[in-house]
Amino acid sequence: MSLIHGTIAGNIVEVINPAVEVGEPTLGQTNNIANYSLPLDLCPDAGRDEMQIIVR
């Protein structure tokens, strides 16, 4: 799983998770609006690499 936020150099943050385990979705409610929650577990791929945060 990968996420990049921002477009201007110096204000770009990238989050990398090489292995993610997706759990079972559950139905919930917030402010009388139905929503779903999807649990994610970050798993190591090679050592201690569950999450990497890069600022560019």
PDB file of N, CA and C in Angstrom:
ATOM      1  N   MET A   1       0.858  -1.156   0.000  1.00  0.00           N
ATOM      2  CA  MET A   1       0.000   0.000   0.000  1.00  0.00           C
ATOM      3  C   MET A   1       0.908   1.223   0.000  1.00  0.00           C
ATOM      4  N   SER A   2       0.555   2.197  -0.804  1.00  0.00           N
ATOM      5  CA  SER A   2       1.360   3.415  -0.914  1.00  0.00           C
ATOM      6  C   SER A   2       0.431   4.621  -0.992  1.00  0.00           C
ATOM      7  N   LEU A   3       0.865   5.713  -0.372  1.00  0.00           N
ATOM      8  CA  LEU A   3       0.096   6.949  -0.376  1.00  0.00           C
ATOM      9  C   LEU A   3       1.054   8.111  -0.564  1.00  0.00           C
ATOM     10  N   ILE A   4       0.736   9.005  -1.495  1.00  0.00           N
ATOM     11  CA  ILE A   4       1.525  10.213  -1.707  1.00  0.00           C
ATOM     12  C   ILE A   4       0.603  11.404  -1.521  1.00  0.00           C
ATOM     13  N   HIS A   5       1.020  12.358  -0.660  1.00  0.00           N
ATOM     14  CA  HIS A   5       0.222  13.556  -0.393  1.00  0.00           C
ATOM     15  C   HIS A   5       1.069  14.787  -0.700  1.00  0.00           C
ATOM     16  N   GLY A   6       0.562  15.645  -1.554  1.00  0.00           N
ATOM     17  CA  GLY A   6       1.259  16.880  -1.904  1.00  0.00           C
ATOM     18  C   GLY A   6       1.814  16.838  -3.317  1.00  0.00           C
ATOM     19  N   THR A   7       2.058  18.038  -3.881  1.00  0.00           N
ATOM     20  CA  THR A   7       2.572  18.135  -5.244  1.00  0.00           C
ATOM     21  C   THR A   7       3.753  19.088  -5.366  1.00  0.00           C
ATOM     22  N   ILE A   8       4.030  19.879  -4.342  1.00  0.00           N
ATOM     23  CA  ILE A   8       5.100  20.871  -4.393  1.00  0.00           C
ATOM     24  C   ILE A   8       6.318  20.331  -3.652  1.00  0.00           C
ATOM     25  N   ALA A   9       7.483  20.400  -4.293  1.00  0.00           N
ATOM     26  CA  ALA A   9       8.718  19.914  -3.673  1.00  0.00           C
ATOM     27  C   ALA A   9       8.907  20.528  -2.293  1.00  0.00           C
ATOM     28  N   GLY A  10       9.272  19.710  -1.320  1.00  0.00           N
ATOM     29  CA  GLY A  10       9.419  20.163   0.059  1.00  0.00           C
ATOM     30  C   GLY A  10       8.155  19.955   0.865  1.00  0.00           C
ATOM     31  N   ASN A  11       7.030  19.758   0.193  1.00  0.00           N
ATOM     32  CA  ASN A  11       5.744  19.537   0.862  1.00  0.00           C
ATOM     33  C   ASN A  11       5.094  18.233   0.415  1.00  0.00           C
ATOM     34  N   ILE A  12       5.903  17.264   0.005  1.00  0.00           N
ATOM     35  CA  ILE A  12       5.383  15.965  -0.439  1.00  0.00           C
ATOM     36  C   ILE A  12       5.719  14.939   0.634  1.00  0.00           C
ATOM     37  N   VAL A  13       4.711  14.190   1.064  1.00  0.00           N
ATOM     38  CA  VAL A  13       4.902  13.126   2.043  1.00  0.00           C
ATOM     39  C   VAL A  13       4.423  11.829   1.406  1.00  0.00           C
ATOM     40  N   GLU A  14       5.264  10.809   1.482  1.00  0.00           N
ATOM     41  CA  GLU A  14       4.933   9.498   0.931  1.00  0.00           C
ATOM     42  C   GLU A  14       4.981   8.477   2.057  1.00  0.00           C
ATOM     43  N   VAL A  15       3.949   7.640   2.152  1.00  0.00           N
ATOM     44  CA  VAL A  15       3.885   6.573   3.150  1.00  0.00           C
ATOM     45  C   VAL A  15       3.821   5.257   2.397  1.00  0.00           C
ATOM     46  N   ILE A  16       4.752   4.353   2.721  1.00  0.00           N
ATOM     47  CA  ILE A  16       4.833   3.057   2.036  1.00  0.00           C
ATOM     48  C   ILE A  16       4.684   1.944   3.067  1.00  0.00           C
ATOM     49  N   ASN A  17       3.781   1.009   2.791  1.00  0.00           N
ATOM     50  CA  ASN A  17       3.591  -0.185   3.603  1.00  0.00           C
ATOM     51  C   ASN A  17       3.717  -1.384   2.663  1.00  0.00           C
ATOM     52  N   PRO A  18       4.837  -2.126   2.714  1.00  0.00           N
ATOM     53  CA  PRO A  18       5.068  -3.186   1.742  1.00  0.00           C
ATOM     54  C   PRO A  18       4.119  -4.380   1.872  1.00  0.00           C
ATOM     55  N   ALA A  19       3.613  -4.656   3.067  1.00  0.00           N
ATOM     56  CA  ALA A  19       2.709  -5.792   3.254  1.00  0.00           C
ATOM     57  C   ALA A  19       1.583  -5.387   4.199  1.00  0.00           C
ATOM     58  N   VAL A  20       0.351  -5.491   3.719  1.00  0.00           N
ATOM     59  CA  VAL A  20      -0.815  -5.105   4.510  1.00  0.00           C
ATOM     60  C   VAL A  20      -1.811  -6.257   4.504  1.00  0.00           C
ATOM     61  N   GLU A  21      -2.302  -6.592   5.688  1.00  0.00           N
ATOM     62  CA  GLU A  21      -3.327  -7.628   5.802  1.00  0.00           C
ATOM     63  C   GLU A  21      -4.664  -6.938   6.026  1.00  0.00           C
ATOM     64  N   VAL A  22      -5.637  -7.219   5.164  1.00  0.00           N
ATOM     65  CA  VAL A  22      -6.952  -6.584   5.228  1.00  0.00           C
ATOM     66  C   VAL A  22      -7.889  -7.465   6.048  1.00  0.00           C
ATOM     67  N   GLY A  23      -8.547  -6.857   7.037  1.00  0.00           N
ATOM     68  CA  GLY A  23      -9.490  -7.583   7.879  1.00  0.00           C
ATOM     69  C   GLY A  23     -10.893  -7.544   7.295  1.00  0.00           C
ATOM     70  N   GLU A  24     -11.839  -8.026   8.065  1.00  0.00           N
ATOM     71  CA  GLU A  24     -13.238  -8.087   7.625  1.00  0.00           C
ATOM     72  C   GLU A  24     -13.918  -6.738   7.849  1.00  0.00           C
ATOM     73  N   PRO A  25     -14.617  -6.214   6.842  1.00  0.00           N
ATOM     74  CA  PRO A  25     -15.293  -4.924   7.002  1.00  0.00           C
ATOM     75  C   PRO A  25     -16.466  -5.026   7.979  1.00  0.00           C
ATOM     76  N   THR A  26     -16.708  -3.928   8.709  1.00  0.00           N
ATOM     77  CA  THR A  26     -17.839  -3.881   9.629  1.00  0.00           C
ATOM     78  C   THR A  26     -18.658  -2.629   9.343  1.00  0.00           C
ATOM     79  N   LEU A  27     -19.949  -2.740   9.549  1.00  0.00           N
ATOM     80  CA  LEU A  27     -20.866  -1.622   9.336  1.00  0.00           C
ATOM     81  C   LEU A  27     -20.928  -0.795  10.609  1.00  0.00           C
ATOM     82  N   GLY A  28     -20.847   0.530  10.458  1.00  0.00           N
ATOM     83  CA  GLY A  28     -20.909   1.425  11.603  1.00  0.00           C
ATOM     84  C   GLY A  28     -21.792   2.616  11.307  1.00  0.00           C
ATOM     85  N   GLN A  29     -21.785   3.583  12.229  1.00  0.00           N
ATOM     86  CA  GLN A  29     -22.599   4.778  12.062  1.00  0.00           C
ATOM     87  C   GLN A  29     -21.923   5.942  12.775  1.00  0.00           C
ATOM     88  N   THR A  30     -21.822   7.078  12.082  1.00  0.00           N
ATOM     89  CA  THR A  30     -21.267   8.297  12.652  1.00  0.00           C
ATOM     90  C   THR A  30     -22.196   9.447  12.305  1.00  0.00           C
ATOM     91  N   ASN A  31     -22.674  10.163  13.316  1.00  0.00           N
ATOM     92  CA  ASN A  31     -23.615  11.277  13.101  1.00  0.00           C
ATOM     93  C   ASN A  31     -24.808  10.857  12.246  1.00  0.00           C
ATOM     94  N   ASN A  32     -25.352   9.693  12.539  1.00  0.00           N
ATOM     95  CA  ASN A  32     -26.510   9.126  11.825  1.00  0.00           C
ATOM     96  C   ASN A  32     -26.238   8.875  10.345  1.00  0.00           C
ATOM     97  N   ILE A  33     -24.973   8.691   9.977  1.00  0.00           N
ATOM     98  CA  ILE A  33     -24.600   8.354   8.607  1.00  0.00           C
ATOM     99  C   ILE A  33     -23.930   6.980   8.637  1.00  0.00           C
ATOM    100  N   ALA A  34     -24.478   6.046   7.856  1.00  0.00           N
ATOM    101  CA  ALA A  34     -23.916   4.695   7.808  1.00  0.00           C
ATOM    102  C   ALA A  34     -22.555   4.717   7.114  1.00  0.00           C
ATOM    103  N   ASN A  35     -21.624   3.938   7.656  1.00  0.00           N
ATOM    104  CA  ASN A  35     -20.302   3.838   7.039  1.00  0.00           C
ATOM    105  C   ASN A  35     -19.732   2.444   7.288  1.00  0.00           C
ATOM    106  N   TYR A  36     -18.663   2.124   6.584  1.00  0.00           N
ATOM    107  CA  TYR A  36     -17.975   0.856   6.768  1.00  0.00           C
ATOM    108  C   TYR A  36     -16.574   1.115   7.301  1.00  0.00           C
ATOM    109  N   SER A  37     -16.097   0.213   8.114  1.00  0.00           N
ATOM    110  CA  SER A  37     -14.742   0.280   8.640  1.00  0.00           C
ATOM    111  C   SER A  37     -13.989  -0.944   8.123  1.00  0.00           C
ATOM    112  N   LEU A  38     -12.772  -0.720   7.659  1.00  0.00           N
ATOM    113  CA  LEU A  38     -11.958  -1.800   7.115  1.00  0.00           C
ATOM    114  C   LEU A  38     -10.632  -1.828   7.875  1.00  0.00           C
ATOM    115  N   PRO A  39     -10.459  -2.796   8.782  1.00  0.00           N
ATOM    116  CA  PRO A  39      -9.219  -2.841   9.557  1.00  0.00           C
ATOM    117  C   PRO A  39      -8.038  -3.291   8.708  1.00  0.00           C
ATOM    118  N   LEU A  40      -6.884  -2.655   8.926  1.00  0.00           N
ATOM    119  CA  LEU A  40      -5.655  -3.014   8.223  1.00  0.00           C
ATOM    120  C   LEU A  40      -4.580  -3.326   9.252  1.00  0.00           C
ATOM    121  N   ASP A  41      -3.846  -4.411   9.042  1.00  0.00           N
ATOM    122  CA  ASP A  41      -2.689  -4.747   9.867  1.00  0.00           C
ATOM    123  C   ASP A  41      -1.453  -4.585   9.009  1.00  0.00           C
ATOM    124  N   LEU A  42      -0.475  -3.814   9.499  1.00  0.00           N
ATOM    125  CA  LEU A  42       0.778  -3.630   8.781  1.00  0.00           C
ATOM    126  C   LEU A  42       1.701  -4.781   9.157  1.00  0.00           C
ATOM    127  N   CYS A  43       2.168  -5.515   8.155  1.00  0.00           N
ATOM    128  CA  CYS A  43       2.990  -6.700   8.371  1.00  0.00           C
ATOM    129  C   CYS A  43       4.399  -6.466   7.829  1.00  0.00           C
ATOM    130  N   PRO A  44       5.410  -7.025   8.493  1.00  0.00           N
ATOM    131  CA  PRO A  44       6.776  -6.888   7.975  1.00  0.00           C
ATOM    132  C   PRO A  44       6.963  -7.737   6.726  1.00  0.00           C
ATOM    133  N   ASP A  45       7.775  -7.247   5.810  1.00  0.00           N
ATOM    134  CA  ASP A  45       8.097  -7.981   4.585  1.00  0.00           C
ATOM    135  C   ASP A  45       9.509  -8.542   4.677  1.00  0.00           C
ATOM    136  N   ALA A  46      10.452  -7.707   5.108  1.00  0.00           N
ATOM    137  CA  ALA A  46      11.844  -8.127   5.270  1.00  0.00           C
ATOM    138  C   ALA A  46      12.430  -7.376   6.462  1.00  0.00           C
ATOM    139  N   GLY A  47      12.278  -7.940   7.664  1.00  0.00           N
ATOM    140  CA  GLY A  47      12.781  -7.253   8.850  1.00  0.00           C
ATOM    141  C   GLY A  47      11.760  -6.292   9.417  1.00  0.00           C
ATOM    142  N   ARG A  48      12.236  -5.123   9.852  1.00  0.00           N
ATOM    143  CA  ARG A  48      11.359  -4.131  10.473  1.00  0.00           C
ATOM    144  C   ARG A  48      11.007  -3.041   9.464  1.00  0.00           C
ATOM    145  N   ASP A  49      10.215  -3.404   8.464  1.00  0.00           N
ATOM    146  CA  ASP A  49       9.869  -2.466   7.390  1.00  0.00           C
ATOM    147  C   ASP A  49       8.361  -2.306   7.231  1.00  0.00           C
ATOM    148  N   GLU A  50       7.612  -2.374   8.339  1.00  0.00           N
ATOM    149  CA  GLU A  50       6.155  -2.287   8.248  1.00  0.00           C
ATOM    150  C   GLU A  50       5.690  -0.963   7.644  1.00  0.00           C
ATOM    151  N   MET A  51       6.402   0.121   7.932  1.00  0.00           N
ATOM    152  CA  MET A  51       6.007   1.427   7.419  1.00  0.00           C
ATOM    153  C   MET A  51       7.247   2.269   7.133  1.00  0.00           C
ATOM    154  N   GLN A  52       7.181   2.965   6.010  1.00  0.00           N
ATOM    155  CA  GLN A  52       8.253   3.878   5.629  1.00  0.00           C
ATOM    156  C   GLN A  52       7.614   5.227   5.305  1.00  0.00           C
ATOM    157  N   ILE A  53       8.126   6.308   5.913  1.00  0.00           N
ATOM    158  CA  ILE A  53       7.622   7.658   5.657  1.00  0.00           C
ATOM    159  C   ILE A  53       8.750   8.451   5.015  1.00  0.00           C
ATOM    160  N   ILE A  54       8.481   8.997   3.841  1.00  0.00           N
ATOM    161  CA  ILE A  54       9.470   9.759   3.079  1.00  0.00           C
ATOM    162  C   ILE A  54       8.917  11.164   2.855  1.00  0.00           C
ATOM    163  N   VAL A  55       9.721  12.173   3.189  1.00  0.00           N
ATOM    164  CA  VAL A  55       9.342  13.572   2.947  1.00  0.00           C
ATOM    165  C   VAL A  55      10.243  14.102   1.856  1.00  0.00           C
ATOM    166  N   ARG A  56       9.651  14.630   0.792  1.00  0.00           N
ATOM    167  CA  ARG A  56      10.424  15.139  -0.354  1.00  0.00           C
ATOM    168  C   ARG A  56      10.109  16.596  -0.576  1.00  0.00           C
TER     169      ARG A  56
END
